[in-house]
Amino acid sequence: MNETLSAEYAERALELPEGKWRDRFRFALDTSLEVLGPHRTMLVALVPVLVGEAAPRRAQFYRFPSSVLDLNSCVSQELASTSST
């Protein structure tokens, strides 16, 4: 799965626009989230396992609030506040 998602991201990243680093970063982040988005449920379930949860079976019951994983929104707000200063 990692190879497939990485290949999809790499293909989409070829469209990375020229410009300021913050715009390029935003494009890269948005692209990454678009590629990973369809797999969000599975990735959320894997987080406790990937960060050292002792009992992998607990991963299926643990759910992050949507706001915690909504990185796109957080980064968008941060970029908006940074660019307005």
C-alpha atoms as a PDB file:
ATOM      1  CA  MET A   1       0.000   0.000   0.000  1.00  0.00           C
ATOM      2  CA  ASN A   2       2.814   2.402   0.867  1.00  0.00           C
ATOM      3  CA  GLU A   3       4.404   1.952  -2.549  1.00  0.00           C
ATOM      4  CA  THR A   4       1.092   2.517  -4.317  1.00  0.00           C
ATOM      5  CA  LEU A   5       0.265   5.673  -2.351  1.00  0.00           C
ATOM      6  CA  SER A   6       3.821   6.983  -2.717  1.00  0.00           C
ATOM      7  CA  ALA A   7       3.690   6.450  -6.472  1.00  0.00           C
ATOM      8  CA  GLU A   8       0.344   8.248  -6.706  1.00  0.00           C
ATOM      9  CA  TYR A   9       1.695  11.176  -4.668  1.00  0.00           C
ATOM     10  CA  ALA A  10       4.851  11.340  -6.795  1.00  0.00           C
ATOM     11  CA  GLU A  11       2.788  11.429  -9.976  1.00  0.00           C
ATOM     12  CA  ARG A  12       0.590  14.237  -8.673  1.00  0.00           C
ATOM     13  CA  ALA A  13       3.594  16.131  -7.283  1.00  0.00           C
ATOM     14  CA  LEU A  14       4.906  16.543 -10.822  1.00  0.00           C
ATOM     15  CA  GLU A  15       2.328  19.338 -11.105  1.00  0.00           C
ATOM     16  CA  LEU A  16       3.988  21.277  -8.258  1.00  0.00           C
ATOM     17  CA  PRO A  17       3.743  24.932  -9.262  1.00  0.00           C
ATOM     18  CA  GLU A  18       6.576  27.420  -9.286  1.00  0.00           C
ATOM     19  CA  GLY A  19       6.330  30.156  -6.697  1.00  0.00           C
ATOM     20  CA  LYS A  20       6.822  30.915  -3.030  1.00  0.00           C
ATOM     21  CA  TRP A  21       7.810  28.042  -0.785  1.00  0.00           C
ATOM     22  CA  ARG A  22       4.627  28.430   1.291  1.00  0.00           C
ATOM     23  CA  ASP A  23       2.471  27.993  -1.827  1.00  0.00           C
ATOM     24  CA  ARG A  24       4.493  24.976  -2.879  1.00  0.00           C
ATOM     25  CA  PHE A  25       4.261  23.539   0.639  1.00  0.00           C
ATOM     26  CA  ARG A  26       0.495  24.049   0.637  1.00  0.00           C
ATOM     27  CA  PHE A  27       0.212  22.270  -2.709  1.00  0.00           C
ATOM     28  CA  ALA A  28       2.340  19.381  -1.431  1.00  0.00           C
ATOM     29  CA  LEU A  29       0.308  19.095   1.777  1.00  0.00           C
ATOM     30  CA  ASP A  30      -3.039  19.277  -0.027  1.00  0.00           C
ATOM     31  CA  THR A  31      -1.848  16.654  -2.513  1.00  0.00           C
ATOM     32  CA  SER A  32      -0.699  14.368   0.273  1.00  0.00           C
ATOM     33  CA  LEU A  33      -4.017  14.681   2.099  1.00  0.00           C
ATOM     34  CA  GLU A  34      -5.941  14.031  -1.131  1.00  0.00           C
ATOM     35  CA  VAL A  35      -3.968  10.845  -1.748  1.00  0.00           C
ATOM     36  CA  LEU A  36      -4.331   9.635   1.847  1.00  0.00           C
ATOM     37  CA  GLY A  37      -7.942  10.786   2.306  1.00  0.00           C
ATOM     38  CA  PRO A  38      -9.683   7.686   0.934  1.00  0.00           C
ATOM     39  CA  HIS A  39      -7.647   5.581   3.388  1.00  0.00           C
ATOM     40  CA  ARG A  40      -8.268   7.775   6.459  1.00  0.00           C
ATOM     41  CA  THR A  41     -10.254   5.198   8.453  1.00  0.00           C
ATOM     42  CA  MET A  42      -7.533   2.589   8.089  1.00  0.00           C
ATOM     43  CA  LEU A  43      -4.742   5.077   8.835  1.00  0.00           C
ATOM     44  CA  VAL A  44      -6.524   6.315  11.969  1.00  0.00           C
ATOM     45  CA  ALA A  45      -6.818   2.731  13.162  1.00  0.00           C
ATOM     46  CA  LEU A  46      -3.079   2.224  12.604  1.00  0.00           C
ATOM     47  CA  VAL A  47      -1.913   5.307  14.537  1.00  0.00           C
ATOM     48  CA  PRO A  48      -1.807   3.622  17.971  1.00  0.00           C
ATOM     49  CA  VAL A  49       0.108   0.694  16.491  1.00  0.00           C
ATOM     50  CA  LEU A  50       2.571   2.933  14.678  1.00  0.00           C
ATOM     51  CA  VAL A  51       3.323   5.031  17.767  1.00  0.00           C
ATOM     52  CA  GLY A  52       3.872   2.071  20.040  1.00  0.00           C
ATOM     53  CA  GLU A  53       0.466   0.997  21.330  1.00  0.00           C
ATOM     54  CA  ALA A  54       1.093  -2.309  23.116  1.00  0.00           C
ATOM     55  CA  ALA A  55      -2.184  -3.950  22.098  1.00  0.00           C
ATOM     56  CA  PRO A  56      -2.874  -3.589  18.358  1.00  0.00           C
ATOM     57  CA  ARG A  57      -6.456  -4.843  18.812  1.00  0.00           C
ATOM     58  CA  ARG A  58      -7.201  -1.609  20.685  1.00  0.00           C
ATOM     59  CA  ALA A  59      -6.541   0.373  17.514  1.00  0.00           C
ATOM     60  CA  GLN A  60      -9.903  -0.578  16.052  1.00  0.00           C
ATOM     61  CA  PHE A  61     -11.718   1.027  18.997  1.00  0.00           C
ATOM     62  CA  TYR A  62      -9.697   4.225  19.271  1.00  0.00           C
ATOM     63  CA  ARG A  63     -10.980   7.193  17.286  1.00  0.00           C
ATOM     64  CA  PHE A  64      -9.458  10.636  17.081  1.00  0.00           C
ATOM     65  CA  PRO A  65     -11.877  13.559  16.980  1.00  0.00           C
ATOM     66  CA  SER A  66     -12.148  14.841  13.405  1.00  0.00           C
ATOM     67  CA  SER A  67     -10.732  18.195  14.464  1.00  0.00           C
ATOM     68  CA  VAL A  68      -7.468  16.584  15.591  1.00  0.00           C
ATOM     69  CA  LEU A  69      -6.871  14.991  12.215  1.00  0.00           C
ATOM     70  CA  ASP A  70      -8.092  17.892  10.118  1.00  0.00           C
ATOM     71  CA  LEU A  71      -4.572  19.057   9.342  1.00  0.00           C
ATOM     72  CA  ASN A  72      -5.629  20.699   6.121  1.00  0.00           C
ATOM     73  CA  SER A  73      -7.859  23.127   8.000  1.00  0.00           C
ATOM     74  CA  CYS A  74      -5.204  23.858  10.620  1.00  0.00           C
ATOM     75  CA  VAL A  75      -2.493  24.492   8.055  1.00  0.00           C
ATOM     76  CA  SER A  76      -4.839  26.615   5.945  1.00  0.00           C
ATOM     77  CA  GLN A  77      -5.617  28.827   8.930  1.00  0.00           C
ATOM     78  CA  GLU A  78      -1.940  29.105   9.820  1.00  0.00           C
ATOM     79  CA  LEU A  79      -0.972  29.999   6.253  1.00  0.00           C
ATOM     80  CA  ALA A  80      -3.765  32.580   6.077  1.00  0.00           C
ATOM     81  CA  SER A  81      -2.636  34.230   9.308  1.00  0.00           C
ATOM     82  CA  THR A  82       1.022  34.164   8.221  1.00  0.00           C
ATOM     83  CA  SER A  83       0.376  35.631   4.780  1.00  0.00           C
ATOM     84  CA  SER A  84      -1.795  38.458   6.157  1.00  0.00           C
ATOM     85  CA  THR A  85       1.047  39.779   8.345  1.00  0.00           C
END
